[in-house]
Structure formats: C-alpha cells, structure tokens
C-alpha cells in the first residue's frame, strides 16, 4: 500500500517546512516520499501509471500553493493529499500487482 505514504508525505513535507521554517527541508520530505512511492508504483502498476501518479503528486504540490490563498494553507494541503491518496489507491494499490509472482519480493 503506497497511498498512505503518497498522501502522508505531502502532509509531512508541509508540516516540516512550516515548523522548521526551512522550505527545502520540507522539499526533501516530498521528494523522498515521491521516489519511494514511484519505485513501488513502477513494479506494481507499470511505467505509464507511475508517470501519471508522479505528475499528479507534483501537480498536487503546485495546486496546493495556487489554492492556498482561497482555502488556507492547511486546508489546501489536506485536499490535495486526499486527492493524491485516492488516486494512488485507485491506480496503484487496489488492483492485482502487475509483477509476476516469481519476480515479486516479500
């Protein structure tokens, strides 16, 4: 299951940036979360879905900034994290794995 990491890293990245005042530190959390997920998506969902989910993750980060003036910082991050988590579940976590059982790792 990658959806908790995908949505959680968006939330944690924002929290780290806000609490420390060091925005690049929050960015490191975002990148680490996305890379971790992308490696698993690639095995489970294939290259096409992985590319789409990475674009959605990065796009969600951008959209959260664009809507923050209207909704507020935390509500925009929560909304984007929910959308990314739901999309991740639907596209990568809910179906059968695309990796053959012989190649699957425990």
PDB file of N, CA and C in Angstrom:
ATOM      1  N   UNK A   1       0.839  -1.193   0.000  1.00  0.00           N
ATOM      2  CA  UNK A   1       0.000   0.000   0.000  1.00  0.00           C
ATOM      3  C   UNK A   1       0.881   1.253   0.000  1.00  0.00           C
ATOM      4  N   UNK A   2       0.724   2.037  -1.022  1.00  0.00           N
ATOM      5  CA  UNK A   2       1.529   3.262  -1.132  1.00  0.00           C
ATOM      6  C   UNK A   2       0.727   4.528  -0.867  1.00  0.00           C
ATOM      7  N   UNK A   3      -0.591   4.427  -0.868  1.00  0.00           N
ATOM      8  CA  UNK A   3      -1.380   5.652  -0.733  1.00  0.00           C
ATOM      9  C   UNK A   3      -1.108   6.378   0.581  1.00  0.00           C
ATOM     10  N   UNK A   4      -0.870   5.698   1.715  1.00  0.00           N
ATOM     11  CA  UNK A   4      -0.590   6.464   2.934  1.00  0.00           C
ATOM     12  C   UNK A   4       0.718   7.250   2.845  1.00  0.00           C
ATOM     13  N   UNK A   5       1.706   6.693   2.151  1.00  0.00           N
ATOM     14  CA  UNK A   5       2.980   7.398   2.004  1.00  0.00           C
ATOM     15  C   UNK A   5       2.826   8.563   1.030  1.00  0.00           C
ATOM     16  N   UNK A   6       2.085   8.346  -0.051  1.00  0.00           N
ATOM     17  CA  UNK A   6       1.890   9.413  -1.029  1.00  0.00           C
ATOM     18  C   UNK A   6       1.179  10.613  -0.407  1.00  0.00           C
ATOM     19  N   UNK A   7       0.073  10.365   0.261  1.00  0.00           N
ATOM     20  CA  UNK A   7      -0.655  11.484   0.867  1.00  0.00           C
ATOM     21  C   UNK A   7       0.056  11.989   2.122  1.00  0.00           C
ATOM     22  N   UNK A   8       0.593  11.069   2.896  1.00  0.00           N
ATOM     23  CA  UNK A   8       1.262  11.459   4.133  1.00  0.00           C
ATOM     24  C   UNK A   8       2.521  12.282   3.910  1.00  0.00           C
ATOM     25  N   UNK A   9       3.263  11.980   2.852  1.00  0.00           N
ATOM     26  CA  UNK A   9       4.481  12.757   2.601  1.00  0.00           C
ATOM     27  C   UNK A   9       4.163  14.184   2.171  1.00  0.00           C
ATOM     28  N   UNK A  10       3.032  14.389   1.523  1.00  0.00           N
ATOM     29  CA  UNK A  10       2.607  15.766   1.220  1.00  0.00           C
ATOM     30  C   UNK A  10       2.306  16.524   2.511  1.00  0.00           C
ATOM     31  N   UNK A  11       1.602  15.873   3.409  1.00  0.00           N
ATOM     32  CA  UNK A  11       1.281  16.499   4.698  1.00  0.00           C
ATOM     33  C   UNK A  11       2.533  16.720   5.540  1.00  0.00           C
ATOM     34  N   UNK A  12       3.367  15.696   5.625  1.00  0.00           N
ATOM     35  CA  UNK A  12       4.571  15.793   6.442  1.00  0.00           C
ATOM     36  C   UNK A  12       5.556  16.814   5.870  1.00  0.00           C
ATOM     37  N   UNK A  13       5.683  16.834   4.556  1.00  0.00           N
ATOM     38  CA  UNK A  13       6.577  17.809   3.927  1.00  0.00           C
ATOM     39  C   UNK A  13       6.168  19.234   4.243  1.00  0.00           C
ATOM     40  N   UNK A  14       4.862  19.500   4.174  1.00  0.00           N
ATOM     41  CA  UNK A  14       4.375  20.844   4.502  1.00  0.00           C
ATOM     42  C   UNK A  14       4.593  21.143   5.973  1.00  0.00           C
ATOM     43  N   UNK A  15       4.313  20.174   6.835  1.00  0.00           N
ATOM     44  CA  UNK A  15       4.487  20.371   8.278  1.00  0.00           C
ATOM     45  C   UNK A  15       5.948  20.664   8.621  1.00  0.00           C
ATOM     46  N   UNK A  16       6.858  19.907   8.029  1.00  0.00           N
ATOM     47  CA  UNK A  16       8.286  20.125   8.281  1.00  0.00           C
ATOM     48  C   UNK A  16       8.697  21.522   7.825  1.00  0.00           C
ATOM     49  N   UNK A  17       8.252  21.921   6.635  1.00  0.00           N
ATOM     50  CA  UNK A  17       8.598  23.252   6.132  1.00  0.00           C
ATOM     51  C   UNK A  17       8.045  24.348   7.032  1.00  0.00           C
ATOM     52  N   UNK A  18       6.823  24.166   7.503  1.00  0.00           N
ATOM     53  CA  UNK A  18       6.217  25.194   8.363  1.00  0.00           C
ATOM     54  C   UNK A  18       6.832  25.237   9.750  1.00  0.00           C
ATOM     55  N   UNK A  19       7.051  24.083  10.329  1.00  0.00           N
ATOM     56  CA  UNK A  19       7.562  24.034  11.694  1.00  0.00           C
ATOM     57  C   UNK A  19       9.026  24.460  11.805  1.00  0.00           C
ATOM     58  N   UNK A  20       9.824  24.125  10.798  1.00  0.00           N
ATOM     59  CA  UNK A  20      11.241  24.480  10.848  1.00  0.00           C
ATOM     60  C   UNK A  20      11.528  25.827  10.206  1.00  0.00           C
ATOM     61  N   UNK A  21      10.641  26.274   9.328  1.00  0.00           N
ATOM     62  CA  UNK A  21      10.896  27.491   8.570  1.00  0.00           C
ATOM     63  C   UNK A  21      11.904  27.278   7.446  1.00  0.00           C
ATOM     64  N   UNK A  22      12.297  26.030   7.222  1.00  0.00           N
ATOM     65  CA  UNK A  22      13.261  25.692   6.173  1.00  0.00           C
ATOM     66  C   UNK A  22      12.515  24.955   5.065  1.00  0.00           C
ATOM     67  N   UNK A  23      12.097  25.696   4.054  1.00  0.00           N
ATOM     68  CA  UNK A  23      11.284  25.109   2.986  1.00  0.00           C
ATOM     69  C   UNK A  23      11.984  23.979   2.248  1.00  0.00           C
ATOM     70  N   UNK A  24      13.297  24.090   1.966  1.00  0.00           N
ATOM     71  CA  UNK A  24      13.954  22.966   1.283  1.00  0.00           C
ATOM     72  C   UNK A  24      13.919  21.661   2.084  1.00  0.00           C
ATOM     73  N   UNK A  25      13.872  21.758   3.395  1.00  0.00           N
ATOM     74  CA  UNK A  25      13.777  20.560   4.222  1.00  0.00           C
ATOM     75  C   UNK A  25      12.437  19.856   3.983  1.00  0.00           C
ATOM     76  N   UNK A  26      11.374  20.640   3.864  1.00  0.00           N
ATOM     77  CA  UNK A  26      10.077  20.070   3.500  1.00  0.00           C
ATOM     78  C   UNK A  26      10.114  19.459   2.106  1.00  0.00           C
ATOM     79  N   UNK A  27      10.855  20.101   1.207  1.00  0.00           N
ATOM     80  CA  UNK A  27      11.008  19.571  -0.149  1.00  0.00           C
ATOM     81  C   UNK A  27      11.708  18.233  -0.169  1.00  0.00           C
ATOM     82  N   UNK A  28      12.671  18.058   0.717  1.00  0.00           N
ATOM     83  CA  UNK A  28      13.369  16.775   0.809  1.00  0.00           C
ATOM     84  C   UNK A  28      12.385  15.674   1.213  1.00  0.00           C
ATOM     85  N   UNK A  29      11.504  15.989   2.141  1.00  0.00           N
ATOM     86  CA  UNK A  29      10.481  15.018   2.553  1.00  0.00           C
ATOM     87  C   UNK A  29       9.581  14.667   1.370  1.00  0.00           C
ATOM     88  N   UNK A  30       9.173  15.675   0.605  1.00  0.00           N
ATOM     89  CA  UNK A  30       8.316  15.435  -0.558  1.00  0.00           C
ATOM     90  C   UNK A  30       9.006  14.549  -1.587  1.00  0.00           C
ATOM     91  N   UNK A  31      10.229  14.881  -1.909  1.00  0.00           N
ATOM     92  CA  UNK A  31      10.962  14.107  -2.916  1.00  0.00           C
ATOM     93  C   UNK A  31      11.182  12.675  -2.437  1.00  0.00           C
ATOM     94  N   UNK A  32      11.569  12.513  -1.185  1.00  0.00           N
ATOM     95  CA  UNK A  32      11.796  11.170  -0.648  1.00  0.00           C
ATOM     96  C   UNK A  32      10.507  10.339  -0.710  1.00  0.00           C
ATOM     97  N   UNK A  33       9.389  10.932  -0.331  1.00  0.00           N
ATOM     98  CA  UNK A  33       8.117  10.227  -0.378  1.00  0.00           C
ATOM     99  C   UNK A  33       7.720   9.848  -1.792  1.00  0.00           C
ATOM    100  N   UNK A  34       7.898  10.765  -2.714  1.00  0.00           N
ATOM    101  CA  UNK A  34       7.523  10.506  -4.104  1.00  0.00           C
ATOM    102  C   UNK A  34       8.422   9.434  -4.729  1.00  0.00           C
ATOM    103  N   UNK A  35       9.714   9.500  -4.460  1.00  0.00           N
ATOM    104  CA  UNK A  35      10.631   8.499  -5.006  1.00  0.00           C
ATOM    105  C   UNK A  35      10.311   7.117  -4.440  1.00  0.00           C
ATOM    106  N   UNK A  36      10.085   7.029  -3.138  1.00  0.00           N
ATOM    107  CA  UNK A  36       9.736   5.752  -2.511  1.00  0.00           C
ATOM    108  C   UNK A  36       8.499   5.164  -3.180  1.00  0.00           C
ATOM    109  N   UNK A  37       7.478   6.007  -3.346  1.00  0.00           N
ATOM    110  CA  UNK A  37       6.233   5.541  -3.980  1.00  0.00           C
ATOM    111  C   UNK A  37       6.464   5.154  -5.437  1.00  0.00           C
ATOM    112  N   UNK A  38       7.193   5.987  -6.171  1.00  0.00           N
ATOM    113  CA  UNK A  38       7.398   5.736  -7.601  1.00  0.00           C
ATOM    114  C   UNK A  38       8.091   4.398  -7.844  1.00  0.00           C
ATOM    115  N   UNK A  39       9.036   4.040  -6.998  1.00  0.00           N
ATOM    116  CA  UNK A  39       9.704   2.752  -7.154  1.00  0.00           C
ATOM    117  C   UNK A  39       8.723   1.598  -6.977  1.00  0.00           C
ATOM    118  N   UNK A  40       7.805   1.733  -6.055  1.00  0.00           N
ATOM    119  CA  UNK A  40       6.806   0.695  -5.841  1.00  0.00           C
ATOM    120  C   UNK A  40       5.723   0.714  -6.923  1.00  0.00           C
ATOM    121  N   UNK A  41       5.333   1.917  -7.355  1.00  0.00           N
ATOM    122  CA  UNK A  41       4.340   2.023  -8.431  1.00  0.00           C
ATOM    123  C   UNK A  41       4.865   1.384  -9.708  1.00  0.00           C
ATOM    124  N   UNK A  42       6.120   1.588  -9.984  1.00  0.00           N
ATOM    125  CA  UNK A  42       6.705   1.047 -11.205  1.00  0.00           C
ATOM    126  C   UNK A  42       6.568  -0.472 -11.244  1.00  0.00           C
ATOM    127  N   UNK A  43       6.830  -1.114 -10.129  1.00  0.00           N
ATOM    128  CA  UNK A  43       6.700  -2.575 -10.064  1.00  0.00           C
ATOM    129  C   UNK A  43       5.252  -3.021 -10.088  1.00  0.00           C
ATOM    130  N   UNK A  44       4.394  -2.297  -9.395  1.00  0.00           N
ATOM    131  CA  UNK A  44       3.011  -2.753  -9.241  1.00  0.00           C
ATOM    132  C   UNK A  44       2.079  -2.288 -10.357  1.00  0.00           C
ATOM    133  N   UNK A  45       2.325  -1.114 -10.902  1.00  0.00           N
ATOM    134  CA  UNK A  45       1.354  -0.524 -11.824  1.00  0.00           C
ATOM    135  C   UNK A  45       1.902  -0.228 -13.213  1.00  0.00           C
ATOM    136  N   UNK A  46       3.207  -0.351 -13.423  1.00  0.00           N
ATOM    137  CA  UNK A  46       3.782  -0.101 -14.733  1.00  0.00           C
ATOM    138  C   UNK A  46       4.234   1.330 -14.913  1.00  0.00           C
ATOM    139  N   UNK A  47       4.969   1.551 -15.981  1.00  0.00           N
ATOM    140  CA  UNK A  47       5.594   2.852 -16.242  1.00  0.00           C
ATOM    141  C   UNK A  47       4.575   3.956 -16.517  1.00  0.00           C
ATOM    142  N   UNK A  48       3.533   3.651 -17.266  1.00  0.00           N
ATOM    143  CA  UNK A  48       2.533   4.661 -17.608  1.00  0.00           C
ATOM    144  C   UNK A  48       1.807   5.209 -16.392  1.00  0.00           C
ATOM    145  N   UNK A  49       1.329   4.313 -15.558  1.00  0.00           N
ATOM    146  CA  UNK A  49       0.627   4.761 -14.347  1.00  0.00           C
ATOM    147  C   UNK A  49       1.583   5.449 -13.382  1.00  0.00           C
ATOM    148  N   UNK A  50       2.812   4.957 -13.318  1.00  0.00           N
ATOM    149  CA  UNK A  50       3.805   5.598 -12.453  1.00  0.00           C
ATOM    150  C   UNK A  50       4.034   7.037 -12.892  1.00  0.00           C
ATOM    151  N   UNK A  51       4.215   7.242 -14.185  1.00  0.00           N
ATOM    152  CA  UNK A  51       4.415   8.604 -14.696  1.00  0.00           C
ATOM    153  C   UNK A  51       3.212   9.483 -14.355  1.00  0.00           C
ATOM    154  N   UNK A  52       2.024   8.958 -14.559  1.00  0.00           N
ATOM    155  CA  UNK A  52       0.821   9.719 -14.243  1.00  0.00           C
ATOM    156  C   UNK A  52       0.714  10.068 -12.770  1.00  0.00           C
ATOM    157  N   UNK A  53       1.052   9.123 -11.913  1.00  0.00           N
ATOM    158  CA  UNK A  53       0.972   9.373 -10.468  1.00  0.00           C
ATOM    159  C   UNK A  53       2.050  10.348 -10.004  1.00  0.00           C
ATOM    160  N   UNK A  54       3.230  10.271 -10.581  1.00  0.00           N
ATOM    161  CA  UNK A  54       4.281  11.242 -10.230  1.00  0.00           C
ATOM    162  C   UNK A  54       3.865  12.639 -10.673  1.00  0.00           C
ATOM    163  N   UNK A  55       3.281  12.744 -11.858  1.00  0.00           N
ATOM    164  CA  UNK A  55       2.796  14.042 -12.344  1.00  0.00           C
ATOM    165  C   UNK A  55       1.680  14.554 -11.440  1.00  0.00           C
ATOM    166  N   UNK A  56       0.771  13.671 -11.031  1.00  0.00           N
ATOM    167  CA  UNK A  56      -0.306  14.066 -10.121  1.00  0.00           C
ATOM    168  C   UNK A  56       0.268  14.541  -8.785  1.00  0.00           C
ATOM    169  N   UNK A  57       1.248  13.842  -8.258  1.00  0.00           N
ATOM    170  CA  UNK A  57       1.881  14.211  -6.983  1.00  0.00           C
ATOM    171  C   UNK A  57       2.504  15.602  -7.090  1.00  0.00           C
ATOM    172  N   UNK A  58       3.316  15.797  -8.128  1.00  0.00           N
ATOM    173  CA  UNK A  58       3.970  17.101  -8.311  1.00  0.00           C
ATOM    174  C   UNK A  58       2.934  18.184  -8.612  1.00  0.00           C
ATOM    175  N   UNK A  59       1.940  17.844  -9.424  1.00  0.00           N
ATOM    176  CA  UNK A  59       0.883  18.799  -9.732  1.00  0.00           C
ATOM    177  C   UNK A  59       0.073  19.160  -8.505  1.00  0.00           C
ATOM    178  N   UNK A  60      -0.153  18.181  -7.640  1.00  0.00           N
ATOM    179  CA  UNK A  60      -0.861  18.456  -6.393  1.00  0.00           C
ATOM    180  C   UNK A  60      -0.108  19.439  -5.523  1.00  0.00           C
ATOM    181  N   UNK A  61       1.204  19.291  -5.477  1.00  0.00           N
ATOM    182  CA  UNK A  61       2.044  20.235  -4.735  1.00  0.00           C
ATOM    183  C   UNK A  61       1.849  21.651  -5.271  1.00  0.00           C
ATOM    184  N   UNK A  62       1.864  21.795  -6.586  1.00  0.00           N
ATOM    185  CA  UNK A  62       1.677  23.109  -7.209  1.00  0.00           C
ATOM    186  C   UNK A  62       0.270  23.632  -6.938  1.00  0.00           C
ATOM    187  N   UNK A  63      -0.734  22.791  -7.126  1.00  0.00           N
ATOM    188  CA  UNK A  63      -2.124  23.212  -6.931  1.00  0.00           C
ATOM    189  C   UNK A  63      -2.361  23.649  -5.487  1.00  0.00           C
ATOM    190  N   UNK A  64      -1.747  22.961  -4.536  1.00  0.00           N
ATOM    191  CA  UNK A  64      -1.944  23.353  -3.137  1.00  0.00           C
ATOM    192  C   UNK A  64      -1.473  24.782  -2.898  1.00  0.00           C
ATOM    193  N   UNK A  65      -0.417  25.188  -3.591  1.00  0.00           N
ATOM    194  CA  UNK A  65       0.052  26.569  -3.474  1.00  0.00           C
ATOM    195  C   UNK A  65      -0.925  27.547  -4.140  1.00  0.00           C
ATOM    196  N   UNK A  66      -1.474  27.134  -5.269  1.00  0.00           N
ATOM    197  CA  UNK A  66      -2.380  28.013  -6.008  1.00  0.00           C
ATOM    198  C   UNK A  66      -3.701  28.245  -5.285  1.00  0.00           C
ATOM    199  N   UNK A  67      -4.184  27.240  -4.570  1.00  0.00           N
ATOM    200  CA  UNK A  67      -5.478  27.386  -3.899  1.00  0.00           C
ATOM    201  C   UNK A  67      -5.352  27.787  -2.433  1.00  0.00           C
ATOM    202  N   UNK A  68      -4.121  27.908  -1.939  1.00  0.00           N
ATOM    203  CA  UNK A  68      -3.914  28.233  -0.522  1.00  0.00           C
ATOM    204  C   UNK A  68      -4.468  29.609  -0.158  1.00  0.00           C
ATOM    205  N   UNK A  69      -4.412  30.567  -1.071  1.00  0.00           N
ATOM    206  CA  UNK A  69      -4.950  31.899  -0.771  1.00  0.00           C
ATOM    207  C   UNK A  69      -6.462  31.854  -0.572  1.00  0.00           C
ATOM    208  N   UNK A  70      -7.121  30.952  -1.266  1.00  0.00           N
ATOM    209  CA  UNK A  70      -8.567  30.838  -1.173  1.00  0.00           C
ATOM    210  C   UNK A  70      -9.002  29.970   0.007  1.00  0.00           C
ATOM    211  N   UNK A  71      -8.391  28.804   0.139  1.00  0.00           N
ATOM    212  CA  UNK A  71      -8.813  27.851   1.165  1.00  0.00           C
ATOM    213  C   UNK A  71      -8.049  27.966   2.479  1.00  0.00           C
ATOM    214  N   UNK A  72      -6.846  28.462   2.405  1.00  0.00           N
ATOM    215  CA  UNK A  72      -5.939  28.443   3.549  1.00  0.00           C
ATOM    216  C   UNK A  72      -4.879  27.382   3.304  1.00  0.00           C
ATOM    217  N   UNK A  73      -3.752  27.514   3.982  1.00  0.00           N
ATOM    218  CA  UNK A  73      -2.621  26.629   3.723  1.00  0.00           C
ATOM    219  C   UNK A  73      -2.938  25.169   4.061  1.00  0.00           C
ATOM    220  N   UNK A  74      -3.329  24.916   5.302  1.00  0.00           N
ATOM    221  CA  UNK A  74      -3.586  23.528   5.692  1.00  0.00           C
ATOM    222  C   UNK A  74      -4.766  22.913   4.941  1.00  0.00           C
ATOM    223  N   UNK A  75      -5.880  23.620   4.784  1.00  0.00           N
ATOM    224  CA  UNK A  75      -6.978  23.000   4.024  1.00  0.00           C
ATOM    225  C   UNK A  75      -6.585  22.640   2.589  1.00  0.00           C
ATOM    226  N   UNK A  76      -5.770  23.471   1.949  1.00  0.00           N
ATOM    227  CA  UNK A  76      -5.367  23.153   0.577  1.00  0.00           C
ATOM    228  C   UNK A  76      -4.456  21.930   0.545  1.00  0.00           C
ATOM    229  N   UNK A  77      -3.559  21.814   1.502  1.00  0.00           N
ATOM    230  CA  UNK A  77      -2.679  20.645   1.559  1.00  0.00           C
ATOM    231  C   UNK A  77      -3.494  19.391   1.885  1.00  0.00           C
ATOM    232  N   UNK A  78      -4.436  19.497   2.791  1.00  0.00           N
ATOM    233  CA  UNK A  78      -5.294  18.353   3.123  1.00  0.00           C
ATOM    234  C   UNK A  78      -6.109  17.893   1.911  1.00  0.00           C
ATOM    235  N   UNK A  79      -6.650  18.837   1.165  1.00  0.00           N
ATOM    236  CA  UNK A  79      -7.431  18.498  -0.020  1.00  0.00           C
ATOM    237  C   UNK A  79      -6.570  17.786  -1.055  1.00  0.00           C
ATOM    238  N   UNK A  80      -5.404  18.347  -1.333  1.00  0.00           N
ATOM    239  CA  UNK A  80      -4.517  17.750  -2.322  1.00  0.00           C
ATOM    240  C   UNK A  80      -4.040  16.377  -1.863  1.00  0.00           C
ATOM    241  N   UNK A  81      -3.711  16.240  -0.589  1.00  0.00           N
ATOM    242  CA  UNK A  81      -3.274  14.942  -0.067  1.00  0.00           C
ATOM    243  C   UNK A  81      -4.385  13.898  -0.204  1.00  0.00           C
ATOM    244  N   UNK A  82      -5.619  14.292   0.017  1.00  0.00           N
ATOM    245  CA  UNK A  82      -6.748  13.366  -0.132  1.00  0.00           C
ATOM    246  C   UNK A  82      -6.909  12.925  -1.585  1.00  0.00           C
ATOM    247  N   UNK A  83      -6.794  13.866  -2.507  1.00  0.00           N
ATOM    248  CA  UNK A  83      -6.924  13.535  -3.933  1.00  0.00           C
ATOM    249  C   UNK A  83      -5.787  12.610  -4.366  1.00  0.00           C
ATOM    250  N   UNK A  84      -4.567  12.940  -3.984  1.00  0.00           N
ATOM    251  CA  UNK A  84      -3.416  12.105  -4.345  1.00  0.00           C
ATOM    252  C   UNK A  84      -3.551  10.719  -3.720  1.00  0.00           C
ATOM    253  N   UNK A  85      -3.967  10.650  -2.474  1.00  0.00           N
ATOM    254  CA  UNK A  85      -4.143   9.355  -1.826  1.00  0.00           C
ATOM    255  C   UNK A  85      -5.209   8.516  -2.509  1.00  0.00           C
ATOM    256  N   UNK A  86      -6.337   9.127  -2.848  1.00  0.00           N
ATOM    257  CA  UNK A  86      -7.417   8.391  -3.520  1.00  0.00           C
ATOM    258  C   UNK A  86      -6.990   7.910  -4.902  1.00  0.00           C
ATOM    259  N   UNK A  87      -6.317   8.766  -5.645  1.00  0.00           N
ATOM    260  CA  UNK A  87      -5.847   8.379  -6.981  1.00  0.00           C
ATOM    261  C   UNK A  87      -4.802   7.272  -6.884  1.00  0.00           C
ATOM    262  N   UNK A  88      -3.931   7.374  -5.916  1.00  0.00           N
ATOM    263  CA  UNK A  88      -2.912   6.344  -5.725  1.00  0.00           C
ATOM    264  C   UNK A  88      -3.566   5.003  -5.389  1.00  0.00           C
ATOM    265  N   UNK A  89      -4.539   5.034  -4.502  1.00  0.00           N
ATOM    266  CA  UNK A  89      -5.236   3.793  -4.164  1.00  0.00           C
ATOM    267  C   UNK A  89      -5.897   3.202  -5.403  1.00  0.00           C
ATOM    268  N   UNK A  90      -6.595   4.036  -6.161  1.00  0.00           N
ATOM    269  CA  UNK A  90      -7.328   3.553  -7.328  1.00  0.00           C
ATOM    270  C   UNK A  90      -6.416   3.044  -8.442  1.00  0.00           C
ATOM    271  N   UNK A  91      -5.315   3.731  -8.672  1.00  0.00           N
ATOM    272  CA  UNK A  91      -4.468   3.396  -9.817  1.00  0.00           C
ATOM    273  C   UNK A  91      -3.317   2.448  -9.519  1.00  0.00           C
ATOM    274  N   UNK A  92      -2.901   2.371  -8.265  1.00  0.00           N
ATOM    275  CA  UNK A  92      -1.724   1.548  -7.972  1.00  0.00           C
ATOM    276  C   UNK A  92      -1.931   0.523  -6.867  1.00  0.00           C
ATOM    277  N   UNK A  93      -2.822   0.801  -5.933  1.00  0.00           N
ATOM    278  CA  UNK A  93      -2.913  -0.068  -4.757  1.00  0.00           C
ATOM    279  C   UNK A  93      -4.077  -1.043  -4.767  1.00  0.00           C
ATOM    280  N   UNK A  94      -5.140  -0.752  -5.473  1.00  0.00           N
ATOM    281  CA  UNK A  94      -6.352  -1.558  -5.331  1.00  0.00           C
ATOM    282  C   UNK A  94      -6.400  -2.791  -6.212  1.00  0.00           C
ATOM    283  N   UNK A  95      -5.683  -2.770  -7.319  1.00  0.00           N
ATOM    284  CA  UNK A  95      -5.760  -3.892  -8.241  1.00  0.00           C
ATOM    285  C   UNK A  95      -4.687  -4.921  -7.995  1.00  0.00           C
ATOM    286  N   UNK A  96      -4.742  -6.014  -8.742  1.00  0.00           N
ATOM    287  CA  UNK A  96      -3.693  -7.026  -8.614  1.00  0.00           C
ATOM    288  C   UNK A  96      -2.363  -6.470  -9.129  1.00  0.00           C
ATOM    289  N   UNK A  97      -1.308  -6.944  -8.564  1.00  0.00           N
ATOM    290  CA  UNK A  97       0.029  -6.497  -8.942  1.00  0.00           C
ATOM    291  C   UNK A  97       0.319  -6.938 -10.378  1.00  0.00           C
ATOM    292  N   UNK A  98       1.069  -6.121 -11.109  1.00  0.00           N
ATOM    293  CA  UNK A  98       1.456  -6.461 -12.468  1.00  0.00           C
ATOM    294  C   UNK A  98       2.739  -7.275 -12.503  1.00  0.00           C
ATOM    295  N   UNK A  99       3.381  -7.415 -11.363  1.00  0.00           N
ATOM    296  CA  UNK A  99       4.617  -8.170 -11.292  1.00  0.00           C
ATOM    297  C   UNK A  99       4.273  -9.643 -11.139  1.00  0.00           C
ATOM    298  N   UNK A 100       4.937 -10.485 -11.902  1.00  0.00           N
ATOM    299  CA  UNK A 100       4.657 -11.912 -11.795  1.00  0.00           C
ATOM    300  C   UNK A 100       5.093 -12.411 -10.419  1.00  0.00           C
ATOM    301  N   UNK A 101       4.400 -13.420  -9.887  1.00  0.00           N
ATOM    302  CA  UNK A 101       4.737 -13.931  -8.558  1.00  0.00           C
ATOM    303  C   UNK A 101       6.200 -14.367  -8.446  1.00  0.00           C
ATOM    304  N   UNK A 102       6.794 -14.862  -9.541  1.00  0.00           N
ATOM    305  CA  UNK A 102       8.180 -15.303  -9.499  1.00  0.00           C
ATOM    306  C   UNK A 102       9.140 -14.142  -9.270  1.00  0.00           C
ATOM    307  N   UNK A 103       8.763 -12.931  -9.707  1.00  0.00           N
ATOM    308  CA  UNK A 103       9.632 -11.758  -9.566  1.00  0.00           C
ATOM    309  C   UNK A 103       9.298 -10.937  -8.325  1.00  0.00           C
ATOM    310  N   UNK A 104       8.185 -11.218  -7.705  1.00  0.00           N
ATOM    311  CA  UNK A 104       7.763 -10.411  -6.550  1.00  0.00           C
ATOM    312  C   UNK A 104       8.713 -10.626  -5.391  1.00  0.00           C
ATOM    313  N   UNK A 105       8.944  -9.544  -4.672  1.00  0.00           N
ATOM    314  CA  UNK A 105       9.784  -9.604  -3.469  1.00  0.00           C
ATOM    315  C   UNK A 105       8.899  -9.527  -2.249  1.00  0.00           C
ATOM    316  N   UNK A 106       9.277 -10.209  -1.180  1.00  0.00           N
ATOM    317  CA  UNK A 106       8.451 -10.165   0.036  1.00  0.00           C
ATOM    318  C   UNK A 106       8.476  -8.820   0.698  1.00  0.00           C
TER     319      UNK A 106
END
